[in-house]
Amino acid sequence: TLSSFVMAWFRQVPGKEREFVAAIRWSGGSTYYAD
């Protein structure tokens, strides 16, 4: 179960570093986004 986890989406294009897209705290559901 994920109640004690945070999860996120990242994305990557060839030749570049993995980029943060969005995240969510599983407990409570608070969310965060890249600009």
ModelCIF file with pLDDT and N, C-alpha, C, O atoms, coordinates in Angstrom:
data_MODEL
#
_entry.id   MODEL 
#
_entity.id                         1 
_entity.type                       polymer 
_entity.pdbx_number_of_molecules   1 
#
_entity_poly.entity_id                      1 
_entity_poly.type                           'polypeptide(L)' 
_entity_poly.nstd_linkage                   no 
_entity_poly.nstd_monomer                   no 
_entity_poly.pdbx_seq_one_letter_code       TLSSFVMAWFRQVPGKEREFVAAIRWSGGSTYYAD 
_entity_poly.pdbx_seq_one_letter_code_can   TLSSFVMAWFRQVPGKEREFVAAIRWSGGSTYYAD 
_entity_poly.pdbx_strand_id                 A 
#
loop_
_entity_poly_seq.entity_id 
_entity_poly_seq.num 
_entity_poly_seq.mon_id 
_entity_poly_seq.hetero 
1 1  THR n 
1 2  LEU n 
1 3  SER n 
1 4  SER n 
1 5  PHE n 
1 6  VAL n 
1 7  MET n 
1 8  ALA n 
1 9  TRP n 
1 10 PHE n 
1 11 ARG n 
1 12 GLN n 
1 13 VAL n 
1 14 PRO n 
1 15 GLY n 
1 16 LYS n 
1 17 GLU n 
1 18 ARG n 
1 19 GLU n 
1 20 PHE n 
1 21 VAL n 
1 22 ALA n 
1 23 ALA n 
1 24 ILE n 
1 25 ARG n 
1 26 TRP n 
1 27 SER n 
1 28 GLY n 
1 29 GLY n 
1 30 SER n 
1 31 THR n 
1 32 TYR n 
1 33 TYR n 
1 34 ALA n 
1 35 ASP n 
#
_struct_asym.id          A 
_struct_asym.entity_id   1 
#
loop_
_ma_qa_metric.id 
_ma_qa_metric.mode 
_ma_qa_metric.name 
_ma_qa_metric.software_group_id 
_ma_qa_metric.type 
1 global pLDDT . pLDDT 
2 local  pLDDT . pLDDT 
#
_ma_qa_metric_global.metric_id      1 
_ma_qa_metric_global.metric_value   94.57 
_ma_qa_metric_global.model_id       1 
_ma_qa_metric_global.ordinal_id     1 
#
loop_
_ma_qa_metric_local.label_asym_id 
_ma_qa_metric_local.label_comp_id 
_ma_qa_metric_local.label_seq_id 
_ma_qa_metric_local.metric_id 
_ma_qa_metric_local.metric_value 
_ma_qa_metric_local.model_id 
_ma_qa_metric_local.ordinal_id 
A THR 1  2 83.00 1 1  
A LEU 2  2 89.00 1 2  
A SER 3  2 89.00 1 3  
A SER 4  2 92.00 1 4  
A PHE 5  2 94.00 1 5  
A VAL 6  2 95.00 1 6  
A MET 7  2 96.00 1 7  
A ALA 8  2 97.00 1 8  
A TRP 9  2 98.00 1 9  
A PHE 10 2 98.00 1 10 
A ARG 11 2 98.00 1 11 
A GLN 12 2 98.00 1 12 
A VAL 13 2 97.00 1 13 
A PRO 14 2 94.00 1 14 
A GLY 15 2 95.00 1 15 
A LYS 16 2 95.00 1 16 
A GLU 17 2 94.00 1 17 
A ARG 18 2 96.00 1 18 
A GLU 19 2 96.00 1 19 
A PHE 20 2 97.00 1 20 
A VAL 21 2 98.00 1 21 
A ALA 22 2 98.00 1 22 
A ALA 23 2 97.00 1 23 
A ILE 24 2 96.00 1 24 
A ARG 25 2 95.00 1 25 
A TRP 26 2 91.00 1 26 
A SER 27 2 91.00 1 27 
A GLY 28 2 89.00 1 28 
A GLY 29 2 90.00 1 29 
A SER 30 2 93.00 1 30 
A THR 31 2 96.00 1 31 
A TYR 32 2 96.00 1 32 
A TYR 33 2 97.00 1 33 
A ALA 34 2 96.00 1 34 
A ASP 35 2 96.00 1 35 
#
loop_
_atom_site.group_PDB 
_atom_site.id 
_atom_site.type_symbol 
_atom_site.label_atom_id 
_atom_site.label_alt_id 
_atom_site.label_comp_id 
_atom_site.label_asym_id 
_atom_site.label_entity_id 
_atom_site.label_seq_id 
_atom_site.pdbx_PDB_ins_code 
_atom_site.Cartn_x 
_atom_site.Cartn_y 
_atom_site.Cartn_z 
_atom_site.occupancy 
_atom_site.B_iso_or_equiv 
_atom_site.pdbx_formal_charge 
_atom_site.auth_seq_id 
_atom_site.auth_comp_id 
_atom_site.auth_asym_id 
_atom_site.auth_atom_id 
_atom_site.pdbx_PDB_model_num 
ATOM 1   N N  . THR A 1 1  ? 0.845  -1.192 0.000   1.00 83.00 ? 1  THR A N  1 
ATOM 2   C CA . THR A 1 1  ? 0.000  0.000  0.000   1.00 83.00 ? 1  THR A CA 1 
ATOM 3   C C  . THR A 1 1  ? 0.880  1.241  0.000   1.00 83.00 ? 1  THR A C  1 
ATOM 4   O O  . THR A 1 1  ? 2.035  1.204  0.425   1.00 83.00 ? 1  THR A O  1 
ATOM 5   N N  . LEU A 1 2  ? 0.319  2.327  -0.479  1.00 89.00 ? 2  LEU A N  1 
ATOM 6   C CA . LEU A 1 2  ? 1.117  3.525  -0.730  1.00 89.00 ? 2  LEU A CA 1 
ATOM 7   C C  . LEU A 1 2  ? 0.870  4.636  0.279   1.00 89.00 ? 2  LEU A C  1 
ATOM 8   O O  . LEU A 1 2  ? 1.273  5.776  0.049   1.00 89.00 ? 2  LEU A O  1 
ATOM 9   N N  . SER A 1 3  ? 0.224  4.329  1.378   1.00 89.00 ? 3  SER A N  1 
ATOM 10  C CA . SER A 1 3  ? -0.166 5.379  2.317   1.00 89.00 ? 3  SER A CA 1 
ATOM 11  C C  . SER A 1 3  ? 1.025  6.124  2.898   1.00 89.00 ? 3  SER A C  1 
ATOM 12  O O  . SER A 1 3  ? 0.877  7.258  3.353   1.00 89.00 ? 3  SER A O  1 
ATOM 13  N N  . SER A 1 4  ? 2.193  5.514  2.892   1.00 92.00 ? 4  SER A N  1 
ATOM 14  C CA . SER A 1 4  ? 3.381  6.163  3.450   1.00 92.00 ? 4  SER A CA 1 
ATOM 15  C C  . SER A 1 4  ? 4.369  6.558  2.350   1.00 92.00 ? 4  SER A C  1 
ATOM 16  O O  . SER A 1 4  ? 5.569  6.682  2.590   1.00 92.00 ? 4  SER A O  1 
ATOM 17  N N  . PHE A 1 5  ? 3.843  6.751  1.149   1.00 94.00 ? 5  PHE A N  1 
ATOM 18  C CA . PHE A 1 5  ? 4.689  7.074  0.010   1.00 94.00 ? 5  PHE A CA 1 
ATOM 19  C C  . PHE A 1 5  ? 4.301  8.419  -0.603  1.00 94.00 ? 5  PHE A C  1 
ATOM 20  O O  . PHE A 1 5  ? 3.194  8.924  -0.414  1.00 94.00 ? 5  PHE A O  1 
ATOM 21  N N  . VAL A 1 6  ? 5.249  8.968  -1.336  1.00 95.00 ? 6  VAL A N  1 
ATOM 22  C CA . VAL A 1 6  ? 4.949  10.038 -2.280  1.00 95.00 ? 6  VAL A CA 1 
ATOM 23  C C  . VAL A 1 6  ? 5.263  9.492  -3.662  1.00 95.00 ? 6  VAL A C  1 
ATOM 24  O O  . VAL A 1 6  ? 6.126  8.631  -3.833  1.00 95.00 ? 6  VAL A O  1 
ATOM 25  N N  . MET A 1 7  ? 4.542  10.013 -4.640  1.00 96.00 ? 7  MET A N  1 
ATOM 26  C CA . MET A 1 7  ? 4.736  9.559  -6.003  1.00 96.00 ? 7  MET A CA 1 
ATOM 27  C C  . MET A 1 7  ? 4.859  10.755 -6.939  1.00 96.00 ? 7  MET A C  1 
ATOM 28  O O  . MET A 1 7  ? 4.406  11.858 -6.630  1.00 96.00 ? 7  MET A O  1 
ATOM 29  N N  . ALA A 1 8  ? 5.472  10.516 -8.072  1.00 97.00 ? 8  ALA A N  1 
ATOM 30  C CA . ALA A 1 8  ? 5.722  11.614 -8.996  1.00 97.00 ? 8  ALA A CA 1 
ATOM 31  C C  . ALA A 1 8  ? 5.767  11.115 -10.429 1.00 97.00 ? 8  ALA A C  1 
ATOM 32  O O  . ALA A 1 8  ? 5.941  9.929  -10.708 1.00 97.00 ? 8  ALA A O  1 
ATOM 33  N N  . TRP A 1 9  ? 5.603  12.071 -11.316 1.00 98.00 ? 9  TRP A N  1 
ATOM 34  C CA . TRP A 1 9  ? 5.848  11.853 -12.734 1.00 98.00 ? 9  TRP A CA 1 
ATOM 35  C C  . TRP A 1 9  ? 7.086  12.653 -13.132 1.00 98.00 ? 9  TRP A C  1 
ATOM 36  O O  . TRP A 1 9  ? 7.244  13.819 -12.770 1.00 98.00 ? 9  TRP A O  1 
ATOM 37  N N  . PHE A 1 10 ? 7.944  11.998 -13.875 1.00 98.00 ? 10 PHE A N  1 
ATOM 38  C CA . PHE A 1 10 ? 9.101  12.637 -14.492 1.00 98.00 ? 10 PHE A CA 1 
ATOM 39  C C  . PHE A 1 10 ? 9.027  12.383 -15.989 1.00 98.00 ? 10 PHE A C  1 
ATOM 40  O O  . PHE A 1 10 ? 8.300  11.501 -16.445 1.00 98.00 ? 10 PHE A O  1 
ATOM 41  N N  . ARG A 1 11 ? 9.781  13.161 -16.745 1.00 98.00 ? 11 ARG A N  1 
ATOM 42  C CA . ARG A 1 11 ? 9.869  12.910 -18.174 1.00 98.00 ? 11 ARG A CA 1 
ATOM 43  C C  . ARG A 1 11 ? 11.298 13.133 -18.638 1.00 98.00 ? 11 ARG A C  1 
ATOM 44  O O  . ARG A 1 11 ? 12.075 13.855 -18.014 1.00 98.00 ? 11 ARG A O  1 
ATOM 45  N N  . GLN A 1 12 ? 11.616 12.495 -19.745 1.00 98.00 ? 12 GLN A N  1 
ATOM 46  C CA . GLN A 1 12 ? 12.989 12.574 -20.236 1.00 98.00 ? 12 GLN A CA 1 
ATOM 47  C C  . GLN A 1 12 ? 13.005 12.507 -21.754 1.00 98.00 ? 12 GLN A C  1 
ATOM 48  O O  . GLN A 1 12 ? 12.308 11.699 -22.368 1.00 98.00 ? 12 GLN A O  1 
ATOM 49  N N  . VAL A 1 13 ? 13.813 13.372 -22.342 1.00 97.00 ? 13 VAL A N  1 
ATOM 50  C CA . VAL A 1 13 ? 14.085 13.311 -23.779 1.00 97.00 ? 13 VAL A CA 1 
ATOM 51  C C  . VAL A 1 13 ? 15.539 12.934 -23.959 1.00 97.00 ? 13 VAL A C  1 
ATOM 52  O O  . VAL A 1 13 ? 16.358 13.184 -23.074 1.00 97.00 ? 13 VAL A O  1 
ATOM 53  N N  . PRO A 1 14 ? 15.872 12.334 -25.092 1.00 94.00 ? 14 PRO A N  1 
ATOM 54  C CA . PRO A 1 14 ? 17.266 11.884 -25.290 1.00 94.00 ? 14 PRO A CA 1 
ATOM 55  C C  . PRO A 1 14 ? 18.255 13.027 -25.130 1.00 94.00 ? 14 PRO A C  1 
ATOM 56  O O  . PRO A 1 14 ? 18.063 14.122 -25.659 1.00 94.00 ? 14 PRO A O  1 
ATOM 57  N N  . GLY A 1 15 ? 19.312 12.744 -24.390 1.00 95.00 ? 15 GLY A N  1 
ATOM 58  C CA . GLY A 1 15 ? 20.369 13.726 -24.217 1.00 95.00 ? 15 GLY A CA 1 
ATOM 59  C C  . GLY A 1 15 ? 20.130 14.719 -23.102 1.00 95.00 ? 15 GLY A C  1 
ATOM 60  O O  . GLY A 1 15 ? 20.978 15.574 -22.847 1.00 95.00 ? 15 GLY A O  1 
ATOM 61  N N  . LYS A 1 16 ? 18.985 14.624 -22.428 1.00 95.00 ? 16 LYS A N  1 
ATOM 62  C CA . LYS A 1 16 ? 18.687 15.542 -21.341 1.00 95.00 ? 16 LYS A CA 1 
ATOM 63  C C  . LYS A 1 16 ? 18.425 14.788 -20.050 1.00 95.00 ? 16 LYS A C  1 
ATOM 64  O O  . LYS A 1 16 ? 18.124 13.594 -20.057 1.00 95.00 ? 16 LYS A O  1 
ATOM 65  N N  . GLU A 1 17 ? 18.544 15.508 -18.941 1.00 94.00 ? 17 GLU A N  1 
ATOM 66  C CA . GLU A 1 17 ? 18.278 14.895 -17.653 1.00 94.00 ? 17 GLU A CA 1 
ATOM 67  C C  . GLU A 1 17 ? 16.772 14.688 -17.470 1.00 94.00 ? 17 GLU A C  1 
ATOM 68  O O  . GLU A 1 17 ? 15.939 15.341 -18.097 1.00 94.00 ? 17 GLU A O  1 
ATOM 69  N N  . ARG A 1 18 ? 16.476 13.748 -16.583 1.00 96.00 ? 18 ARG A N  1 
ATOM 70  C CA . ARG A 1 18 ? 15.087 13.502 -16.257 1.00 96.00 ? 18 ARG A CA 1 
ATOM 71  C C  . ARG A 1 18 ? 14.514 14.744 -15.571 1.00 96.00 ? 18 ARG A C  1 
ATOM 72  O O  . ARG A 1 18 ? 15.134 15.318 -14.676 1.00 96.00 ? 18 ARG A O  1 
ATOM 73  N N  . GLU A 1 19 ? 13.318 15.146 -16.010 1.00 96.00 ? 19 GLU A N  1 
ATOM 74  C CA . GLU A 1 19 ? 12.712 16.397 -15.563 1.00 96.00 ? 19 GLU A CA 1 
ATOM 75  C C  . GLU A 1 19 ? 11.474 16.130 -14.725 1.00 96.00 ? 19 GLU A C  1 
ATOM 76  O O  . GLU A 1 19 ? 10.639 15.303 -15.090 1.00 96.00 ? 19 GLU A O  1 
ATOM 77  N N  . PHE A 1 20 ? 11.356 16.821 -13.614 1.00 97.00 ? 20 PHE A N  1 
ATOM 78  C CA . PHE A 1 20 ? 10.184 16.706 -12.753 1.00 97.00 ? 20 PHE A CA 1 
ATOM 79  C C  . PHE A 1 20 ? 8.959  17.282 -13.452 1.00 97.00 ? 20 PHE A C  1 
ATOM 80  O O  . PHE A 1 20 ? 9.029  18.341 -14.077 1.00 97.00 ? 20 PHE A O  1 
ATOM 81  N N  . VAL A 1 21 ? 7.834  16.575 -13.341 1.00 98.00 ? 21 VAL A N  1 
ATOM 82  C CA . VAL A 1 21 ? 6.580  17.021 -13.946 1.00 98.00 ? 21 VAL A CA 1 
ATOM 83  C C  . VAL A 1 21 ? 5.558  17.368 -12.867 1.00 98.00 ? 21 VAL A C  1 
ATOM 84  O O  . VAL A 1 21 ? 5.010  18.471 -12.859 1.00 98.00 ? 21 VAL A O  1 
ATOM 85  N N  . ALA A 1 22 ? 5.304  16.432 -11.960 1.00 98.00 ? 22 ALA A N  1 
ATOM 86  C CA . ALA A 1 22 ? 4.301  16.636 -10.914 1.00 98.00 ? 22 ALA A CA 1 
ATOM 87  C C  . ALA A 1 22 ? 4.496  15.585 -9.844  1.00 98.00 ? 22 ALA A C  1 
ATOM 88  O O  . ALA A 1 22 ? 5.082  14.531 -10.093 1.00 98.00 ? 22 ALA A O  1 
ATOM 89  N N  . ALA A 1 23 ? 4.000  15.878 -8.644  1.00 97.00 ? 23 ALA A N  1 
ATOM 90  C CA . ALA A 1 23 ? 4.124  14.942 -7.539  1.00 97.00 ? 23 ALA A CA 1 
ATOM 91  C C  . ALA A 1 23 ? 2.866  14.988 -6.688  1.00 97.00 ? 23 ALA A C  1 
ATOM 92  O O  . ALA A 1 23 ? 2.118  15.966 -6.696  1.00 97.00 ? 23 ALA A O  1 
ATOM 93  N N  . ILE A 1 24 ? 2.655  13.913 -5.960  1.00 96.00 ? 24 ILE A N  1 
ATOM 94  C CA . ILE A 1 24 ? 1.494  13.820 -5.076  1.00 96.00 ? 24 ILE A CA 1 
ATOM 95  C C  . ILE A 1 24 ? 1.887  13.054 -3.819  1.00 96.00 ? 24 ILE A C  1 
ATOM 96  O O  . ILE A 1 24 ? 2.581  12.039 -3.878  1.00 96.00 ? 24 ILE A O  1 
ATOM 97  N N  . ARG A 1 25 ? 1.432  13.560 -2.697  1.00 95.00 ? 25 ARG A N  1 
ATOM 98  C CA . ARG A 1 25 ? 1.624  12.861 -1.425  1.00 95.00 ? 25 ARG A CA 1 
ATOM 99  C C  . ARG A 1 25 ? 0.429  11.941 -1.252  1.00 95.00 ? 25 ARG A C  1 
ATOM 100 O O  . ARG A 1 25 ? -0.711 12.402 -1.185  1.00 95.00 ? 25 ARG A O  1 
ATOM 101 N N  . TRP A 1 26 ? 0.686  10.636 -1.180  1.00 91.00 ? 26 TRP A N  1 
ATOM 102 C CA . TRP A 1 26 ? -0.422 9.698  -1.188  1.00 91.00 ? 26 TRP A CA 1 
ATOM 103 C C  . TRP A 1 26 ? -1.373 9.926  -0.022  1.00 91.00 ? 26 TRP A C  1 
ATOM 104 O O  . TRP A 1 26 ? -2.591 9.869  -0.190  1.00 91.00 ? 26 TRP A O  1 
ATOM 105 N N  . SER A 1 27 ? -0.828 10.182 1.147   1.00 91.00 ? 27 SER A N  1 
ATOM 106 C CA . SER A 1 27 ? -1.654 10.465 2.308   1.00 91.00 ? 27 SER A CA 1 
ATOM 107 C C  . SER A 1 27 ? -2.048 11.935 2.296   1.00 91.00 ? 27 SER A C  1 
ATOM 108 O O  . SER A 1 27 ? -1.210 12.811 2.508   1.00 91.00 ? 27 SER A O  1 
ATOM 109 N N  . GLY A 1 28 ? -3.300 12.196 2.052   1.00 89.00 ? 28 GLY A N  1 
ATOM 110 C CA . GLY A 1 28 ? -3.772 13.576 1.990   1.00 89.00 ? 28 GLY A CA 1 
ATOM 111 C C  . GLY A 1 28 ? -3.957 14.108 0.590   1.00 89.00 ? 28 GLY A C  1 
ATOM 112 O O  . GLY A 1 28 ? -4.808 14.969 0.367   1.00 89.00 ? 28 GLY A O  1 
ATOM 113 N N  . GLY A 1 29 ? -3.182 13.616 -0.360  1.00 90.00 ? 29 GLY A N  1 
ATOM 114 C CA . GLY A 1 29 ? -3.362 13.981 -1.758  1.00 90.00 ? 29 GLY A CA 1 
ATOM 115 C C  . GLY A 1 29 ? -2.844 15.337 -2.179  1.00 90.00 ? 29 GLY A C  1 
ATOM 116 O O  . GLY A 1 29 ? -3.221 15.822 -3.246  1.00 90.00 ? 29 GLY A O  1 
ATOM 117 N N  . SER A 1 30 ? -1.991 15.975 -1.383  1.00 93.00 ? 30 SER A N  1 
ATOM 118 C CA . SER A 1 30 ? -1.452 17.278 -1.797  1.00 93.00 ? 30 SER A CA 1 
ATOM 119 C C  . SER A 1 30 ? -0.594 17.115 -3.045  1.00 93.00 ? 30 SER A C  1 
ATOM 120 O O  . SER A 1 30 ? 0.125  16.127 -3.197  1.00 93.00 ? 30 SER A O  1 
ATOM 121 N N  . THR A 1 31 ? -0.680 18.101 -3.934  1.00 96.00 ? 31 THR A N  1 
ATOM 122 C CA . THR A 1 31 ? -0.035 17.995 -5.248  1.00 96.00 ? 31 THR A CA 1 
ATOM 123 C C  . THR A 1 31 ? 0.918  19.157 -5.508  1.00 96.00 ? 31 THR A C  1 
ATOM 124 O O  . THR A 1 31 ? 0.789  20.236 -4.931  1.00 96.00 ? 31 THR A O  1 
ATOM 125 N N  . TYR A 1 32 ? 1.875  18.901 -6.394  1.00 96.00 ? 32 TYR A N  1 
ATOM 126 C CA . TYR A 1 32 ? 2.882  19.895 -6.759  1.00 96.00 ? 32 TYR A CA 1 
ATOM 127 C C  . TYR A 1 32 ? 3.199  19.745 -8.237  1.00 96.00 ? 32 TYR A C  1 
ATOM 128 O O  . TYR A 1 32 ? 3.165  18.644 -8.785  1.00 96.00 ? 32 TYR A O  1 
ATOM 129 N N  . TYR A 1 33 ? 3.505  20.868 -8.873  1.00 97.00 ? 33 TYR A N  1 
ATOM 130 C CA . TYR A 1 33 ? 3.734  20.852 -10.311 1.00 97.00 ? 33 TYR A CA 1 
ATOM 131 C C  . TYR A 1 33 ? 4.963  21.651 -10.697 1.00 97.00 ? 33 TYR A C  1 
ATOM 132 O O  . TYR A 1 33 ? 5.333  22.620 -10.033 1.00 97.00 ? 33 TYR A O  1 
ATOM 133 N N  . ALA A 1 34 ? 5.586  21.224 -11.783 1.00 96.00 ? 34 ALA A N  1 
ATOM 134 C CA . ALA A 1 34 ? 6.611  22.046 -12.396 1.00 96.00 ? 34 ALA A CA 1 
ATOM 135 C C  . ALA A 1 34 ? 5.937  23.258 -13.037 1.00 96.00 ? 34 ALA A C  1 
ATOM 136 O O  . ALA A 1 34 ? 4.772  23.193 -13.430 1.00 96.00 ? 34 ALA A O  1 
ATOM 137 N N  . ASP A 1 35 ? 6.664  24.346 -13.137 1.00 96.00 ? 35 ASP A N  1 
ATOM 138 C CA . ASP A 1 35 ? 6.097  25.551 -13.736 1.00 96.00 ? 35 ASP A CA 1 
ATOM 139 C C  . ASP A 1 35 ? 5.619  25.287 -15.164 1.00 96.00 ? 35 ASP A C  1 
ATOM 140 O O  . ASP A 1 35 ? 5.112  26.195 -15.823 1.00 96.00 ? 35 ASP A O  1 
#
